[in-house]
Protein backbone atom coordinates (compact mmCIF):
# COMPACT_ATOMS: atom_id res chain seq x y z
CA UNK A 1 0.00 0.00 0.00
CA UNK A 2 2.85 2.40 0.76
CA UNK A 3 4.44 1.70 -2.63
CA UNK A 4 1.18 2.64 -4.34
CA UNK A 5 1.16 6.02 -2.57
CA UNK A 6 4.81 6.61 -3.47
CA UNK A 7 4.03 5.79 -7.11
CA UNK A 8 1.05 8.18 -7.09
CA UNK A 9 3.14 11.03 -5.62
CA UNK A 10 5.82 10.46 -8.25
CA UNK A 11 3.20 10.36 -11.03
CA UNK A 12 1.71 13.69 -9.90
CA UNK A 13 5.22 15.19 -9.67
CA UNK A 14 6.00 14.06 -13.24
CA UNK A 15 2.72 15.45 -14.60
CA UNK A 16 3.48 18.83 -12.99
CA UNK A 17 7.01 18.73 -14.47
CA UNK A 18 5.51 18.07 -17.91
CA UNK A 19 3.18 21.05 -17.41
CA UNK A 20 6.21 23.23 -16.65
CA UNK A 21 7.99 22.06 -19.81
CA UNK A 22 4.87 22.73 -21.89
CA UNK A 23 4.75 26.30 -20.58
CA UNK A 24 8.50 26.94 -20.85
CA UNK A 25 8.91 25.54 -24.36
CA UNK A 26 5.50 26.76 -25.57
CA UNK A 27 4.51 23.31 -26.76
CA UNK A 28 1.29 23.42 -28.75
CA UNK A 29 0.80 19.76 -29.65
CA UNK A 30 1.67 16.31 -28.31
CA UNK A 31 1.20 13.20 -30.49
CA UNK A 32 1.42 9.66 -29.08
CA UNK A 33 0.33 6.16 -30.07
CA UNK A 34 -3.17 5.53 -28.78
CA UNK A 35 -3.63 3.21 -25.81
CA UNK A 36 -5.75 3.50 -22.68
CA UNK A 37 -2.62 4.07 -20.59
CA UNK A 38 -1.38 6.86 -22.87
CA UNK A 39 -4.84 8.43 -22.93
CA UNK A 40 -4.90 8.41 -19.12
CA UNK A 41 -1.58 10.30 -19.04
CA UNK A 42 -2.85 12.86 -21.58
CA UNK A 43 -6.00 13.35 -19.52
CA UNK A 44 -3.86 13.95 -16.42
CA UNK A 45 -1.84 16.56 -18.31
CA UNK A 46 -5.09 18.18 -19.51
CA UNK A 47 -6.39 18.29 -15.95
CA UNK A 48 -3.26 20.09 -14.80
CA UNK A 49 -3.20 22.52 -17.73
CA UNK A 50 -6.87 23.44 -17.36
CA UNK A 51 -6.74 23.82 -13.56
CA UNK A 52 -6.19 27.13 -11.79
CA UNK A 53 -6.23 30.79 -12.62
CA UNK A 54 -3.76 30.51 -15.53
CA UNK A 55 -5.57 27.61 -17.15
CA UNK A 56 -4.90 26.67 -20.76
CA UNK A 57 -7.68 25.24 -22.93
CA UNK A 58 -6.86 21.91 -24.54
CA UNK A 59 -8.40 19.39 -26.91
CA UNK A 60 -7.68 15.68 -27.33
CA UNK A 61 -8.41 14.05 -30.70
CA UNK A 62 -7.97 10.41 -31.62
CA UNK A 63 -7.44 9.66 -35.31
CA UNK A 64 -5.58 7.17 -37.50
CA UNK A 65 -2.20 8.25 -38.87
CA UNK A 66 -0.98 7.68 -42.44
CA UNK A 67 -0.11 4.07 -41.61
CA UNK A 68 -3.55 3.32 -40.14
CA UNK A 69 -2.38 3.26 -36.50
CA UNK A 70 -4.54 5.12 -34.01
CA UNK A 71 -2.91 8.23 -32.58
CA UNK A 72 -3.92 10.46 -29.70
CA UNK A 73 -3.17 14.14 -30.27
CA UNK A 74 -3.29 16.77 -27.55
CA UNK A 75 -3.74 20.34 -28.82
CA UNK A 76 -2.64 23.02 -26.37
CA UNK A 77 -4.13 26.46 -27.09
CA UNK A 78 -1.49 28.73 -25.59
CA UNK A 79 -1.87 32.48 -25.78
CA UNK A 80 0.90 34.97 -25.00
CA UNK A 81 -0.59 35.48 -21.53
CA UNK A 82 -0.44 31.74 -20.79
CA UNK A 83 3.16 31.27 -21.93
CA UNK A 84 4.79 33.38 -19.21
CA UNK A 85 7.28 31.37 -17.17
CA UNK A 86 6.25 29.97 -13.82
C-alpha atoms as a PDB file:
ATOM      1  CA  UNK A   1       0.000   0.000   0.000  1.00  0.00           C
ATOM      2  CA  UNK A   2       2.850   2.400   0.764  1.00  0.00           C
ATOM      3  CA  UNK A   3       4.443   1.702  -2.628  1.00  0.00           C
ATOM      4  CA  UNK A   4       1.179   2.642  -4.338  1.00  0.00           C
ATOM      5  CA  UNK A   5       1.157   6.019  -2.568  1.00  0.00           C
ATOM      6  CA  UNK A   6       4.806   6.607  -3.468  1.00  0.00           C
ATOM      7  CA  UNK A   7       4.026   5.793  -7.107  1.00  0.00           C
ATOM      8  CA  UNK A   8       1.052   8.182  -7.091  1.00  0.00           C
ATOM      9  CA  UNK A   9       3.141  11.030  -5.625  1.00  0.00           C
ATOM     10  CA  UNK A  10       5.823  10.461  -8.245  1.00  0.00           C
ATOM     11  CA  UNK A  11       3.202  10.359 -11.032  1.00  0.00           C
ATOM     12  CA  UNK A  12       1.713  13.695  -9.899  1.00  0.00           C
ATOM     13  CA  UNK A  13       5.223  15.187  -9.669  1.00  0.00           C
ATOM     14  CA  UNK A  14       5.996  14.057 -13.239  1.00  0.00           C
ATOM     15  CA  UNK A  15       2.720  15.452 -14.599  1.00  0.00           C
ATOM     16  CA  UNK A  16       3.482  18.831 -12.993  1.00  0.00           C
ATOM     17  CA  UNK A  17       7.006  18.731 -14.466  1.00  0.00           C
ATOM     18  CA  UNK A  18       5.511  18.066 -17.912  1.00  0.00           C
ATOM     19  CA  UNK A  19       3.184  21.051 -17.408  1.00  0.00           C
ATOM     20  CA  UNK A  20       6.213  23.231 -16.651  1.00  0.00           C
ATOM     21  CA  UNK A  21       7.991  22.058 -19.805  1.00  0.00           C
ATOM     22  CA  UNK A  22       4.866  22.726 -21.895  1.00  0.00           C
ATOM     23  CA  UNK A  23       4.752  26.303 -20.580  1.00  0.00           C
ATOM     24  CA  UNK A  24       8.499  26.941 -20.854  1.00  0.00           C
ATOM     25  CA  UNK A  25       8.910  25.538 -24.360  1.00  0.00           C
ATOM     26  CA  UNK A  26       5.503  26.763 -25.566  1.00  0.00           C
ATOM     27  CA  UNK A  27       4.512  23.307 -26.762  1.00  0.00           C
ATOM     28  CA  UNK A  28       1.294  23.419 -28.752  1.00  0.00           C
ATOM     29  CA  UNK A  29       0.803  19.760 -29.654  1.00  0.00           C
ATOM     30  CA  UNK A  30       1.673  16.313 -28.311  1.00  0.00           C
ATOM     31  CA  UNK A  31       1.198  13.199 -30.487  1.00  0.00           C
ATOM     32  CA  UNK A  32       1.419   9.664 -29.084  1.00  0.00           C
ATOM     33  CA  UNK A  33       0.328   6.165 -30.073  1.00  0.00           C
ATOM     34  CA  UNK A  34      -3.168   5.528 -28.777  1.00  0.00           C
ATOM     35  CA  UNK A  35      -3.626   3.208 -25.806  1.00  0.00           C
ATOM     36  CA  UNK A  36      -5.745   3.504 -22.683  1.00  0.00           C
ATOM     37  CA  UNK A  37      -2.616   4.072 -20.588  1.00  0.00           C
ATOM     38  CA  UNK A  38      -1.380   6.864 -22.868  1.00  0.00           C
ATOM     39  CA  UNK A  39      -4.841   8.429 -22.929  1.00  0.00           C
ATOM     40  CA  UNK A  40      -4.897   8.410 -19.120  1.00  0.00           C
ATOM     41  CA  UNK A  41      -1.582  10.301 -19.036  1.00  0.00           C
ATOM     42  CA  UNK A  42      -2.846  12.857 -21.583  1.00  0.00           C
ATOM     43  CA  UNK A  43      -6.000  13.352 -19.520  1.00  0.00           C
ATOM     44  CA  UNK A  44      -3.856  13.949 -16.420  1.00  0.00           C
ATOM     45  CA  UNK A  45      -1.839  16.563 -18.315  1.00  0.00           C
ATOM     46  CA  UNK A  46      -5.085  18.184 -19.514  1.00  0.00           C
ATOM     47  CA  UNK A  47      -6.395  18.292 -15.953  1.00  0.00           C
ATOM     48  CA  UNK A  48      -3.263  20.094 -14.797  1.00  0.00           C
ATOM     49  CA  UNK A  49      -3.202  22.523 -17.725  1.00  0.00           C
ATOM     50  CA  UNK A  50      -6.873  23.441 -17.357  1.00  0.00           C
ATOM     51  CA  UNK A  51      -6.743  23.823 -13.556  1.00  0.00           C
ATOM     52  CA  UNK A  52      -6.193  27.126 -11.786  1.00  0.00           C
ATOM     53  CA  UNK A  53      -6.232  30.792 -12.622  1.00  0.00           C
ATOM     54  CA  UNK A  54      -3.764  30.506 -15.534  1.00  0.00           C
ATOM     55  CA  UNK A  55      -5.567  27.609 -17.154  1.00  0.00           C
ATOM     56  CA  UNK A  56      -4.901  26.675 -20.765  1.00  0.00           C
ATOM     57  CA  UNK A  57      -7.683  25.239 -22.931  1.00  0.00           C
ATOM     58  CA  UNK A  58      -6.855  21.905 -24.540  1.00  0.00           C
ATOM     59  CA  UNK A  59      -8.399  19.389 -26.910  1.00  0.00           C
ATOM     60  CA  UNK A  60      -7.676  15.676 -27.331  1.00  0.00           C
ATOM     61  CA  UNK A  61      -8.411  14.052 -30.697  1.00  0.00           C
ATOM     62  CA  UNK A  62      -7.966  10.405 -31.623  1.00  0.00           C
ATOM     63  CA  UNK A  63      -7.439   9.663 -35.314  1.00  0.00           C
ATOM     64  CA  UNK A  64      -5.578   7.167 -37.496  1.00  0.00           C
ATOM     65  CA  UNK A  65      -2.199   8.246 -38.865  1.00  0.00           C
ATOM     66  CA  UNK A  66      -0.982   7.684 -42.438  1.00  0.00           C
ATOM     67  CA  UNK A  67      -0.111   4.073 -41.605  1.00  0.00           C
ATOM     68  CA  UNK A  68      -3.547   3.321 -40.142  1.00  0.00           C
ATOM     69  CA  UNK A  69      -2.383   3.263 -36.505  1.00  0.00           C
ATOM     70  CA  UNK A  70      -4.538   5.119 -34.013  1.00  0.00           C
ATOM     71  CA  UNK A  71      -2.907   8.234 -32.582  1.00  0.00           C
ATOM     72  CA  UNK A  72      -3.919  10.461 -29.695  1.00  0.00           C
ATOM     73  CA  UNK A  73      -3.172  14.137 -30.266  1.00  0.00           C
ATOM     74  CA  UNK A  74      -3.294  16.774 -27.549  1.00  0.00           C
ATOM     75  CA  UNK A  75      -3.745  20.340 -28.816  1.00  0.00           C
ATOM     76  CA  UNK A  76      -2.644  23.024 -26.369  1.00  0.00           C
ATOM     77  CA  UNK A  77      -4.131  26.457 -27.094  1.00  0.00           C
ATOM     78  CA  UNK A  78      -1.495  28.733 -25.594  1.00  0.00           C
ATOM     79  CA  UNK A  79      -1.868  32.480 -25.782  1.00  0.00           C
ATOM     80  CA  UNK A  80       0.898  34.971 -24.998  1.00  0.00           C
ATOM     81  CA  UNK A  81      -0.594  35.477 -21.528  1.00  0.00           C
ATOM     82  CA  UNK A  82      -0.442  31.743 -20.794  1.00  0.00           C
ATOM     83  CA  UNK A  83       3.159  31.272 -21.928  1.00  0.00           C
ATOM     84  CA  UNK A  84       4.787  33.382 -19.211  1.00  0.00           C
ATOM     85  CA  UNK A  85       7.279  31.369 -17.173  1.00  0.00           C
ATOM     86  CA  UNK A  86       6.249  29.972 -13.816  1.00  0.00           C
END
